[in-house]
């Protein structure tokens, strides 16, 4: 019997060729880009700040202090100390001092003298009066002890904008007796008026300055915050020496137009409870001595 011939398998159908779809790149949203560059920016700022304040950082890491601030947290205290050490390190050719008032309580003058090994101080500004009738409760003692302990001393008046400028000037004059070797009187102006115009404020300030200059025979110094002075006083009071307050973490050098720079209000010094302001005089001790009153 003949076997049937084997059947041939039908050819498989060809698989249709399909075009591969190109892989789409995932689009990065604008918000993602913003977040990415924000992170990069802050990392750069931290690195830059670390480099700029490397001297202060090294000083802090090798320095242990037993001083504690009641007002600041530990981290705030570290940051404040870091900046103070850095600024001091950048101004070793300058002269340092503090300013005090009744808010510092009773000063331990012996301890303050001992603290000079760590933080040399040559001058102290002392609040004498405020407004038309306020006398600082610690002024007489601070005024006396500062001279007895060998500091150059200066007195300042806290100006209240809405009070009579002539009465304020007389309040200062009857309270403060400047003698040979004292620093010029200081007018402290920090606030804008509530009831008078800015023009009236400037007129009152000029009147105070004129009365005090005539009485003591020396041109007063103006104390103010940098922004306040720039915004409200700079145009009319360019002839006066400046004592400027600026606590910005990014302010590193005293400006050439500042006679004194109050660079911190968070220093801690032996002999003083709590925080105290520290100032830099824009010169050496010899030039500071030329600033003091030579008569009387």
C-alpha atoms as a PDB file:
ATOM      1  CA  UNK A   1       0.000   0.000   0.000  1.00  0.00           C
ATOM      2  CA  UNK A   2       1.361   3.354  -0.903  1.00  0.00           C
ATOM      3  CA  UNK A   3       1.770   5.701   2.013  1.00  0.00           C
ATOM      4  CA  UNK A   4       0.300   9.092   1.537  1.00  0.00           C
ATOM      5  CA  UNK A   5       2.862  11.768   0.823  1.00  0.00           C
ATOM      6  CA  UNK A   6       3.548  13.926   3.877  1.00  0.00           C
ATOM      7  CA  UNK A   7       1.732  17.203   3.769  1.00  0.00           C
ATOM      8  CA  UNK A   8       3.803  20.341   3.584  1.00  0.00           C
ATOM      9  CA  UNK A   9       3.416  22.799   6.466  1.00  0.00           C
ATOM     10  CA  UNK A  10       1.965  26.066   5.454  1.00  0.00           C
ATOM     11  CA  UNK A  11       4.485  28.900   5.834  1.00  0.00           C
ATOM     12  CA  UNK A  12       3.970  31.074   8.902  1.00  0.00           C
ATOM     13  CA  UNK A  13       2.628  34.467   8.144  1.00  0.00           C
ATOM     14  CA  UNK A  14       5.212  37.193   8.335  1.00  0.00           C
ATOM     15  CA  UNK A  15       4.959  39.386  11.403  1.00  0.00           C
ATOM     16  CA  UNK A  16       4.194  42.854  10.309  1.00  0.00           C
ATOM     17  CA  UNK A  17       7.056  45.249  10.954  1.00  0.00           C
ATOM     18  CA  UNK A  18       6.086  47.899  13.430  1.00  0.00           C
ATOM     19  CA  UNK A  19       7.935  51.139  13.803  1.00  0.00           C
ATOM     20  CA  UNK A  20       9.372  51.690  17.229  1.00  0.00           C
ATOM     21  CA  UNK A  21       8.034  54.720  18.917  1.00  0.00           C
ATOM     22  CA  UNK A  22      10.800  57.038  20.037  1.00  0.00           C
ATOM     23  CA  UNK A  23      11.227  57.121  23.803  1.00  0.00           C
ATOM     24  CA  UNK A  24       9.955  60.401  25.024  1.00  0.00           C
ATOM     25  CA  UNK A  25      12.158  62.221  27.485  1.00  0.00           C
ATOM     26  CA  UNK A  26      10.413  63.024  30.685  1.00  0.00           C
ATOM     27  CA  UNK A  27       9.752  66.700  30.811  1.00  0.00           C
ATOM     28  CA  UNK A  28      10.948  68.503  33.932  1.00  0.00           C
ATOM     29  CA  UNK A  29       8.391  70.916  35.212  1.00  0.00           C
ATOM     30  CA  UNK A  30       9.227  74.530  35.828  1.00  0.00           C
ATOM     31  CA  UNK A  31       8.524  74.034  39.515  1.00  0.00           C
ATOM     32  CA  UNK A  32      11.044  71.158  39.693  1.00  0.00           C
ATOM     33  CA  UNK A  33      13.668  73.348  38.070  1.00  0.00           C
ATOM     34  CA  UNK A  34      12.952  76.114  40.542  1.00  0.00           C
ATOM     35  CA  UNK A  35      13.295  73.716  43.471  1.00  0.00           C
ATOM     36  CA  UNK A  36      16.528  72.300  42.072  1.00  0.00           C
ATOM     37  CA  UNK A  37      18.134  75.723  41.580  1.00  0.00           C
ATOM     38  CA  UNK A  38      16.874  76.903  44.955  1.00  0.00           C
ATOM     39  CA  UNK A  39      18.655  74.010  46.639  1.00  0.00           C
ATOM     40  CA  UNK A  40      21.823  74.720  44.645  1.00  0.00           C
ATOM     41  CA  UNK A  41      21.622  78.386  45.626  1.00  0.00           C
ATOM     42  CA  UNK A  42      21.271  77.704  49.336  1.00  0.00           C
ATOM     43  CA  UNK A  43      24.102  75.176  49.315  1.00  0.00           C
ATOM     44  CA  UNK A  44      26.290  77.783  47.616  1.00  0.00           C
ATOM     45  CA  UNK A  45      25.322  80.412  50.188  1.00  0.00           C
ATOM     46  CA  UNK A  46      26.134  78.051  53.071  1.00  0.00           C
ATOM     47  CA  UNK A  47      29.508  77.185  51.561  1.00  0.00           C
ATOM     48  CA  UNK A  48      30.261  80.851  50.905  1.00  0.00           C
ATOM     49  CA  UNK A  49      29.261  81.851  54.418  1.00  0.00           C
ATOM     50  CA  UNK A  50      31.381  79.056  55.842  1.00  0.00           C
ATOM     51  CA  UNK A  51      34.372  80.282  53.852  1.00  0.00           C
ATOM     52  CA  UNK A  52      33.879  83.942  54.732  1.00  0.00           C
ATOM     53  CA  UNK A  53      33.451  83.193  58.438  1.00  0.00           C
ATOM     54  CA  UNK A  54      36.066  80.467  58.632  1.00  0.00           C
ATOM     55  CA  UNK A  55      38.210  82.444  61.102  1.00  0.00           C
ATOM     56  CA  UNK A  56      35.312  82.940  63.460  1.00  0.00           C
ATOM     57  CA  UNK A  57      34.253  79.316  63.079  1.00  0.00           C
ATOM     58  CA  UNK A  58      37.719  78.042  63.921  1.00  0.00           C
ATOM     59  CA  UNK A  59      37.889  80.401  66.879  1.00  0.00           C
ATOM     60  CA  UNK A  60      34.527  79.234  68.125  1.00  0.00           C
ATOM     61  CA  UNK A  61      35.339  75.538  67.795  1.00  0.00           C
ATOM     62  CA  UNK A  62      38.423  76.059  69.938  1.00  0.00           C
ATOM     63  CA  UNK A  63      36.764  78.334  72.464  1.00  0.00           C
ATOM     64  CA  UNK A  64      34.623  77.202  75.371  1.00  0.00           C
ATOM     65  CA  UNK A  65      32.614  79.757  77.293  1.00  0.00           C
ATOM     66  CA  UNK A  66      30.663  79.516  80.522  1.00  0.00           C
ATOM     67  CA  UNK A  67      28.538  82.520  79.647  1.00  0.00           C
ATOM     68  CA  UNK A  68      24.863  81.935  78.979  1.00  0.00           C
ATOM     69  CA  UNK A  69      22.283  84.282  77.578  1.00  0.00           C
ATOM     70  CA  UNK A  70      18.842  84.240  79.117  1.00  0.00           C
ATOM     71  CA  UNK A  71      17.338  85.739  76.000  1.00  0.00           C
ATOM     72  CA  UNK A  72      18.950  83.554  73.317  1.00  0.00           C
ATOM     73  CA  UNK A  73      18.712  79.871  72.522  1.00  0.00           C
ATOM     74  CA  UNK A  74      21.917  77.832  72.316  1.00  0.00           C
ATOM     75  CA  UNK A  75      21.901  78.004  68.530  1.00  0.00           C
ATOM     76  CA  UNK A  76      21.262  81.755  68.554  1.00  0.00           C
ATOM     77  CA  UNK A  77      24.087  82.179  71.051  1.00  0.00           C
ATOM     78  CA  UNK A  78      26.473  80.225  68.822  1.00  0.00           C
ATOM     79  CA  UNK A  79      25.534  82.272  65.791  1.00  0.00           C
ATOM     80  CA  UNK A  80      25.903  85.556  67.705  1.00  0.00           C
ATOM     81  CA  UNK A  81      29.304  84.542  69.085  1.00  0.00           C
ATOM     82  CA  UNK A  82      30.463  83.366  65.672  1.00  0.00           C
ATOM     83  CA  UNK A  83      29.749  86.765  64.157  1.00  0.00           C
ATOM     84  CA  UNK A  84      31.309  88.680  67.063  1.00  0.00           C
ATOM     85  CA  UNK A  85      34.549  86.696  66.874  1.00  0.00           C
ATOM     86  CA  UNK A  86      34.694  87.137  63.123  1.00  0.00           C
ATOM     87  CA  UNK A  87      34.148  90.909  63.256  1.00  0.00           C
ATOM     88  CA  UNK A  88      36.713  91.317  66.032  1.00  0.00           C
ATOM     89  CA  UNK A  89      39.214  89.296  64.021  1.00  0.00           C
ATOM     90  CA  UNK A  90      38.695  91.496  60.980  1.00  0.00           C
ATOM     91  CA  UNK A  91      39.251  94.728  62.951  1.00  0.00           C
ATOM     92  CA  UNK A  92      42.303  94.014  65.066  1.00  0.00           C
ATOM     93  CA  UNK A  93      43.730  97.404  64.128  1.00  0.00           C
ATOM     94  CA  UNK A  94      40.655  99.207  65.494  1.00  0.00           C
ATOM     95  CA  UNK A  95      39.491 100.174  68.991  1.00  0.00           C
ATOM     96  CA  UNK A  96      36.541  98.548  70.782  1.00  0.00           C
ATOM     97  CA  UNK A  97      34.076  99.777  73.358  1.00  0.00           C
ATOM     98  CA  UNK A  98      30.591  99.185  74.755  1.00  0.00           C
ATOM     99  CA  UNK A  99      27.519 101.263  75.530  1.00  0.00           C
ATOM    100  CA  UNK A 100      25.454 100.774  78.657  1.00  0.00           C
ATOM    101  CA  UNK A 101      22.332 102.002  80.428  1.00  0.00           C
ATOM    102  CA  UNK A 102      20.171 101.038  83.373  1.00  0.00           C
ATOM    103  CA  UNK A 103      19.095  97.970  81.391  1.00  0.00           C
ATOM    104  CA  UNK A 104      22.486  96.359  82.100  1.00  0.00           C
ATOM    105  CA  UNK A 105      21.817  96.602  85.824  1.00  0.00           C
ATOM    106  CA  UNK A 106      24.746  96.963  88.205  1.00  0.00           C
ATOM    107  CA  UNK A 107      28.091  96.643  86.419  1.00  0.00           C
ATOM    108  CA  UNK A 108      30.807  94.523  88.011  1.00  0.00           C
ATOM    109  CA  UNK A 109      33.679  96.864  87.213  1.00  0.00           C
ATOM    110  CA  UNK A 110      36.415  94.601  88.620  1.00  0.00           C
ATOM    111  CA  UNK A 111      35.196  91.709  86.494  1.00  0.00           C
ATOM    112  CA  UNK A 112      34.940  94.000  83.478  1.00  0.00           C
ATOM    113  CA  UNK A 113      38.600  94.940  83.923  1.00  0.00           C
ATOM    114  CA  UNK A 114      39.560  91.260  84.064  1.00  0.00           C
ATOM    115  CA  UNK A 115      37.596  90.536  80.888  1.00  0.00           C
ATOM    116  CA  UNK A 116      39.887  92.853  78.935  1.00  0.00           C
ATOM    117  CA  UNK A 117      42.413  90.064  78.523  1.00  0.00           C
ATOM    118  CA  UNK A 118      39.926  88.379  76.195  1.00  0.00           C
ATOM    119  CA  UNK A 119      38.151  91.451  74.869  1.00  0.00           C
ATOM    120  CA  UNK A 120      40.063  94.760  75.202  1.00  0.00           C
ATOM    121  CA  UNK A 121      37.781  97.764  75.756  1.00  0.00           C
ATOM    122  CA  UNK A 122      38.859 101.399  75.659  1.00  0.00           C
ATOM    123  CA  UNK A 123      35.663 103.457  75.680  1.00  0.00           C
ATOM    124  CA  UNK A 124      32.169 103.332  77.139  1.00  0.00           C
ATOM    125  CA  UNK A 125      29.132 105.318  76.044  1.00  0.00           C
ATOM    126  CA  UNK A 126      26.594 105.754  78.838  1.00  0.00           C
ATOM    127  CA  UNK A 127      22.942 106.717  78.519  1.00  0.00           C
ATOM    128  CA  UNK A 128      22.342 109.878  80.511  1.00  0.00           C
ATOM    129  CA  UNK A 129      18.839 111.013  79.600  1.00  0.00           C
ATOM    130  CA  UNK A 130      15.777 110.227  77.520  1.00  0.00           C
ATOM    131  CA  UNK A 131      13.157 112.682  76.346  1.00  0.00           C
ATOM    132  CA  UNK A 132      12.271 115.819  78.252  1.00  0.00           C
ATOM    133  CA  UNK A 133      12.440 114.494  81.823  1.00  0.00           C
ATOM    134  CA  UNK A 134      13.971 111.008  82.034  1.00  0.00           C
ATOM    135  CA  UNK A 135      17.341 110.505  83.736  1.00  0.00           C
ATOM    136  CA  UNK A 136      18.916 107.070  83.496  1.00  0.00           C
ATOM    137  CA  UNK A 137      18.839 105.579  86.996  1.00  0.00           C
ATOM    138  CA  UNK A 138      22.383 104.152  86.643  1.00  0.00           C
ATOM    139  CA  UNK A 139      23.971 107.145  84.925  1.00  0.00           C
ATOM    140  CA  UNK A 140      25.716 108.764  87.902  1.00  0.00           C
ATOM    141  CA  UNK A 141      27.298 105.506  89.066  1.00  0.00           C
ATOM    142  CA  UNK A 142      28.257 104.388  85.552  1.00  0.00           C
ATOM    143  CA  UNK A 143      29.646 107.819  84.742  1.00  0.00           C
ATOM    144  CA  UNK A 144      31.794 107.851  87.880  1.00  0.00           C
ATOM    145  CA  UNK A 145      33.030 104.255  87.745  1.00  0.00           C
ATOM    146  CA  UNK A 146      33.859 104.311  84.039  1.00  0.00           C
ATOM    147  CA  UNK A 147      36.388 107.108  84.590  1.00  0.00           C
ATOM    148  CA  UNK A 148      37.749 105.577  87.798  1.00  0.00           C
ATOM    149  CA  UNK A 149      38.465 102.386  85.864  1.00  0.00           C
ATOM    150  CA  UNK A 150      40.359 104.170  83.112  1.00  0.00           C
ATOM    151  CA  UNK A 151      37.836 104.122  80.269  1.00  0.00           C
ATOM    152  CA  UNK A 152      37.204 106.959  77.879  1.00  0.00           C
ATOM    153  CA  UNK A 153      33.594 107.857  78.600  1.00  0.00           C
ATOM    154  CA  UNK A 154      30.839 109.494  76.609  1.00  0.00           C
ATOM    155  CA  UNK A 155      27.213 110.368  77.381  1.00  0.00           C
ATOM    156  CA  UNK A 156      24.218 110.020  75.088  1.00  0.00           C
ATOM    157  CA  UNK A 157      20.651 111.270  75.022  1.00  0.00           C
ATOM    158  CA  UNK A 158      17.769 109.136  73.750  1.00  0.00           C
ATOM    159  CA  UNK A 159      15.649 111.511  71.676  1.00  0.00           C
ATOM    160  CA  UNK A 160      11.858 111.200  71.810  1.00  0.00           C
ATOM    161  CA  UNK A 161      10.470 112.622  68.548  1.00  0.00           C
ATOM    162  CA  UNK A 162       7.148 113.930  69.845  1.00  0.00           C
ATOM    163  CA  UNK A 163       8.610 115.870  72.779  1.00  0.00           C
ATOM    164  CA  UNK A 164       9.980 119.428  72.847  1.00  0.00           C
ATOM    165  CA  UNK A 165      13.583 119.465  71.585  1.00  0.00           C
ATOM    166  CA  UNK A 166      14.670 122.478  73.710  1.00  0.00           C
ATOM    167  CA  UNK A 167      13.469 120.840  76.927  1.00  0.00           C
ATOM    168  CA  UNK A 168      15.205 117.618  75.890  1.00  0.00           C
ATOM    169  CA  UNK A 169      18.484 119.463  75.308  1.00  0.00           C
ATOM    170  CA  UNK A 170      18.228 121.171  78.701  1.00  0.00           C
ATOM    171  CA  UNK A 171      17.511 117.814  80.342  1.00  0.00           C
ATOM    172  CA  UNK A 172      20.783 116.486  78.966  1.00  0.00           C
ATOM    173  CA  UNK A 173      22.774 119.603  79.855  1.00  0.00           C
ATOM    174  CA  UNK A 174      21.641 119.704  83.490  1.00  0.00           C
ATOM    175  CA  UNK A 175      22.452 115.996  83.882  1.00  0.00           C
ATOM    176  CA  UNK A 176      25.828 115.702  82.126  1.00  0.00           C
ATOM    177  CA  UNK A 177      28.976 117.580  83.023  1.00  0.00           C
ATOM    178  CA  UNK A 178      31.599 116.881  80.392  1.00  0.00           C
ATOM    179  CA  UNK A 179      35.236 117.434  81.337  1.00  0.00           C
ATOM    180  CA  UNK A 180      38.624 117.183  79.697  1.00  0.00           C
ATOM    181  CA  UNK A 181      39.175 113.718  78.255  1.00  0.00           C
ATOM    182  CA  UNK A 182      35.488 112.904  77.734  1.00  0.00           C
ATOM    183  CA  UNK A 183      34.049 111.966  74.355  1.00  0.00           C
ATOM    184  CA  UNK A 184      31.656 114.370  72.559  1.00  0.00           C
ATOM    185  CA  UNK A 185      27.945 114.236  73.456  1.00  0.00           C
ATOM    186  CA  UNK A 186      25.755 111.890  71.429  1.00  0.00           C
ATOM    187  CA  UNK A 187      22.212 112.285  70.121  1.00  0.00           C
ATOM    188  CA  UNK A 188      20.458 108.922  69.785  1.00  0.00           C
ATOM    189  CA  UNK A 189      17.571 109.033  67.303  1.00  0.00           C
ATOM    190  CA  UNK A 190      15.862 105.797  66.275  1.00  0.00           C
ATOM    191  CA  UNK A 191      12.151 106.401  65.779  1.00  0.00           C
ATOM    192  CA  UNK A 192       9.936 108.390  63.464  1.00  0.00           C
ATOM    193  CA  UNK A 193       7.359 110.695  65.093  1.00  0.00           C
ATOM    194  CA  UNK A 194       3.724 109.748  65.630  1.00  0.00           C
ATOM    195  CA  UNK A 195       2.210 113.210  65.966  1.00  0.00           C
ATOM    196  CA  UNK A 196       4.621 115.510  64.149  1.00  0.00           C
ATOM    197  CA  UNK A 197       5.919 115.603  60.590  1.00  0.00           C
ATOM    198  CA  UNK A 198       9.361 114.449  59.533  1.00  0.00           C
ATOM    199  CA  UNK A 199      10.277 118.063  58.788  1.00  0.00           C
ATOM    200  CA  UNK A 200       9.370 118.994  62.360  1.00  0.00           C
ATOM    201  CA  UNK A 201      11.473 116.091  63.614  1.00  0.00           C
ATOM    202  CA  UNK A 202      14.508 117.294  61.660  1.00  0.00           C
ATOM    203  CA  UNK A 203      14.007 120.848  62.905  1.00  0.00           C
ATOM    204  CA  UNK A 204      13.881 119.566  66.483  1.00  0.00           C
ATOM    205  CA  UNK A 205      16.983 117.429  66.047  1.00  0.00           C
ATOM    206  CA  UNK A 206      18.928 120.352  64.627  1.00  0.00           C
ATOM    207  CA  UNK A 207      17.775 122.555  67.518  1.00  0.00           C
ATOM    208  CA  UNK A 208      18.969 119.961  70.055  1.00  0.00           C
ATOM    209  CA  UNK A 209      22.322 119.634  68.303  1.00  0.00           C
ATOM    210  CA  UNK A 210      22.828 123.408  68.176  1.00  0.00           C
ATOM    211  CA  UNK A 211      21.957 123.983  71.839  1.00  0.00           C
ATOM    212  CA  UNK A 212      24.214 121.162  73.043  1.00  0.00           C
ATOM    213  CA  UNK A 213      27.103 122.256  70.811  1.00  0.00           C
ATOM    214  CA  UNK A 214      26.922 125.820  72.095  1.00  0.00           C
ATOM    215  CA  UNK A 215      26.914 124.634  75.692  1.00  0.00           C
ATOM    216  CA  UNK A 216      29.827 122.179  75.517  1.00  0.00           C
ATOM    217  CA  UNK A 217      31.785 123.825  72.717  1.00  0.00           C
ATOM    218  CA  UNK A 218      32.048 120.584  70.739  1.00  0.00           C
ATOM    219  CA  UNK A 219      30.046 119.150  67.858  1.00  0.00           C
ATOM    220  CA  UNK A 220      27.830 116.233  68.930  1.00  0.00           C
ATOM    221  CA  UNK A 221      27.806 112.784  67.333  1.00  0.00           C
ATOM    222  CA  UNK A 222      24.630 111.323  65.826  1.00  0.00           C
ATOM    223  CA  UNK A 223      23.687 107.730  66.658  1.00  0.00           C
ATOM    224  CA  UNK A 224      21.113 105.885  64.554  1.00  0.00           C
ATOM    225  CA  UNK A 225      20.400 102.693  62.668  1.00  0.00           C
ATOM    226  CA  UNK A 226      21.881 102.623  59.188  1.00  0.00           C
ATOM    227  CA  UNK A 227      18.513 102.380  57.435  1.00  0.00           C
ATOM    228  CA  UNK A 228      16.936 105.097  59.573  1.00  0.00           C
ATOM    229  CA  UNK A 229      19.828 107.464  58.929  1.00  0.00           C
ATOM    230  CA  UNK A 230      19.889 106.760  55.200  1.00  0.00           C
ATOM    231  CA  UNK A 231      16.131 107.110  54.771  1.00  0.00           C
ATOM    232  CA  UNK A 232      15.425 110.126  56.976  1.00  0.00           C
ATOM    233  CA  UNK A 233      18.559 112.001  58.081  1.00  0.00           C
ATOM    234  CA  UNK A 234      21.386 111.686  55.588  1.00  0.00           C
ATOM    235  CA  UNK A 235      20.470 114.666  53.432  1.00  0.00           C
ATOM    236  CA  UNK A 236      20.299 117.223  56.250  1.00  0.00           C
ATOM    237  CA  UNK A 237      22.907 115.936  58.726  1.00  0.00           C
ATOM    238  CA  UNK A 238      25.962 115.064  56.635  1.00  0.00           C
ATOM    239  CA  UNK A 239      28.202 117.408  58.664  1.00  0.00           C
ATOM    240  CA  UNK A 240      28.021 115.288  61.805  1.00  0.00           C
ATOM    241  CA  UNK A 241      30.139 112.340  62.842  1.00  0.00           C
ATOM    242  CA  UNK A 242      28.159 109.106  62.763  1.00  0.00           C
ATOM    243  CA  UNK A 243      27.730 106.257  65.171  1.00  0.00           C
ATOM    244  CA  UNK A 244      25.814 103.649  63.167  1.00  0.00           C
ATOM    245  CA  UNK A 245      24.046 100.507  64.371  1.00  0.00           C
ATOM    246  CA  UNK A 246      23.987  97.619  61.909  1.00  0.00           C
ATOM    247  CA  UNK A 247      23.707  94.016  63.116  1.00  0.00           C
ATOM    248  CA  UNK A 248      23.408  92.323  59.729  1.00  0.00           C
ATOM    249  CA  UNK A 249      25.142  88.931  59.572  1.00  0.00           C
ATOM    250  CA  UNK A 250      26.481  89.875  56.148  1.00  0.00           C
ATOM    251  CA  UNK A 251      27.943  93.225  57.230  1.00  0.00           C
ATOM    252  CA  UNK A 252      31.629  92.490  57.723  1.00  0.00           C
ATOM    253  CA  UNK A 253      33.581  95.752  57.620  1.00  0.00           C
ATOM    254  CA  UNK A 254      33.148  99.163  59.174  1.00  0.00           C
ATOM    255  CA  UNK A 255      32.279 101.763  56.517  1.00  0.00           C
ATOM    256  CA  UNK A 256      34.726 104.589  56.016  1.00  0.00           C
ATOM    257  CA  UNK A 257      32.030 107.196  56.725  1.00  0.00           C
ATOM    258  CA  UNK A 258      31.167 105.665  60.125  1.00  0.00           C
ATOM    259  CA  UNK A 259      33.075 107.005  63.126  1.00  0.00           C
ATOM    260  CA  UNK A 260      31.676 104.237  65.339  1.00  0.00           C
ATOM    261  CA  UNK A 261      29.955 101.005  64.372  1.00  0.00           C
ATOM    262  CA  UNK A 262      27.656  99.199  66.794  1.00  0.00           C
ATOM    263  CA  UNK A 263      27.904  95.781  65.208  1.00  0.00           C
ATOM    264  CA  UNK A 264      26.098  93.666  67.788  1.00  0.00           C
ATOM    265  CA  UNK A 265      23.631  93.948  70.641  1.00  0.00           C
ATOM    266  CA  UNK A 266      24.190  90.349  71.747  1.00  0.00           C
ATOM    267  CA  UNK A 267      27.662  90.311  73.273  1.00  0.00           C
ATOM    268  CA  UNK A 268      28.310  88.769  76.663  1.00  0.00           C
ATOM    269  CA  UNK A 269      31.128  90.206  78.739  1.00  0.00           C
ATOM    270  CA  UNK A 270      32.229  89.427  82.282  1.00  0.00           C
ATOM    271  CA  UNK A 271      30.875  91.934  84.752  1.00  0.00           C
ATOM    272  CA  UNK A 272      27.646  92.540  82.817  1.00  0.00           C
ATOM    273  CA  UNK A 273      24.527  90.418  83.171  1.00  0.00           C
ATOM    274  CA  UNK A 274      22.740  89.634  79.925  1.00  0.00           C
ATOM    275  CA  UNK A 275      23.575  91.060  76.532  1.00  0.00           C
ATOM    276  CA  UNK A 276      25.445  94.279  75.806  1.00  0.00           C
ATOM    277  CA  UNK A 277      26.186  96.336  72.690  1.00  0.00           C
ATOM    278  CA  UNK A 278      29.734  96.335  71.300  1.00  0.00           C
ATOM    279  CA  UNK A 279      31.156  99.099  69.122  1.00  0.00           C
ATOM    280  CA  UNK A 280      34.173  99.651  66.915  1.00  0.00           C
ATOM    281  CA  UNK A 281      35.921 103.003  66.629  1.00  0.00           C
ATOM    282  CA  UNK A 282      37.113 103.616  63.088  1.00  0.00           C
ATOM    283  CA  UNK A 283      40.733 104.318  63.936  1.00  0.00           C
ATOM    284  CA  UNK A 284      43.488 103.639  66.434  1.00  0.00           C
ATOM    285  CA  UNK A 285      43.830 104.752  70.041  1.00  0.00           C
ATOM    286  CA  UNK A 286      45.911 107.772  69.080  1.00  0.00           C
ATOM    287  CA  UNK A 287      43.206 109.158  66.783  1.00  0.00           C
ATOM    288  CA  UNK A 288      40.517 108.383  69.369  1.00  0.00           C
ATOM    289  CA  UNK A 289      42.401 110.508  71.894  1.00  0.00           C
ATOM    290  CA  UNK A 290      42.306 113.378  69.410  1.00  0.00           C
ATOM    291  CA  UNK A 291      38.511 113.151  69.419  1.00  0.00           C
ATOM    292  CA  UNK A 292      38.062 113.739  73.155  1.00  0.00           C
ATOM    293  CA  UNK A 293      37.340 117.129  74.689  1.00  0.00           C
ATOM    294  CA  UNK A 294      40.561 119.055  75.239  1.00  0.00           C
ATOM    295  CA  UNK A 295      39.269 121.982  77.309  1.00  0.00           C
ATOM    296  CA  UNK A 296      37.617 122.326  80.735  1.00  0.00           C
END
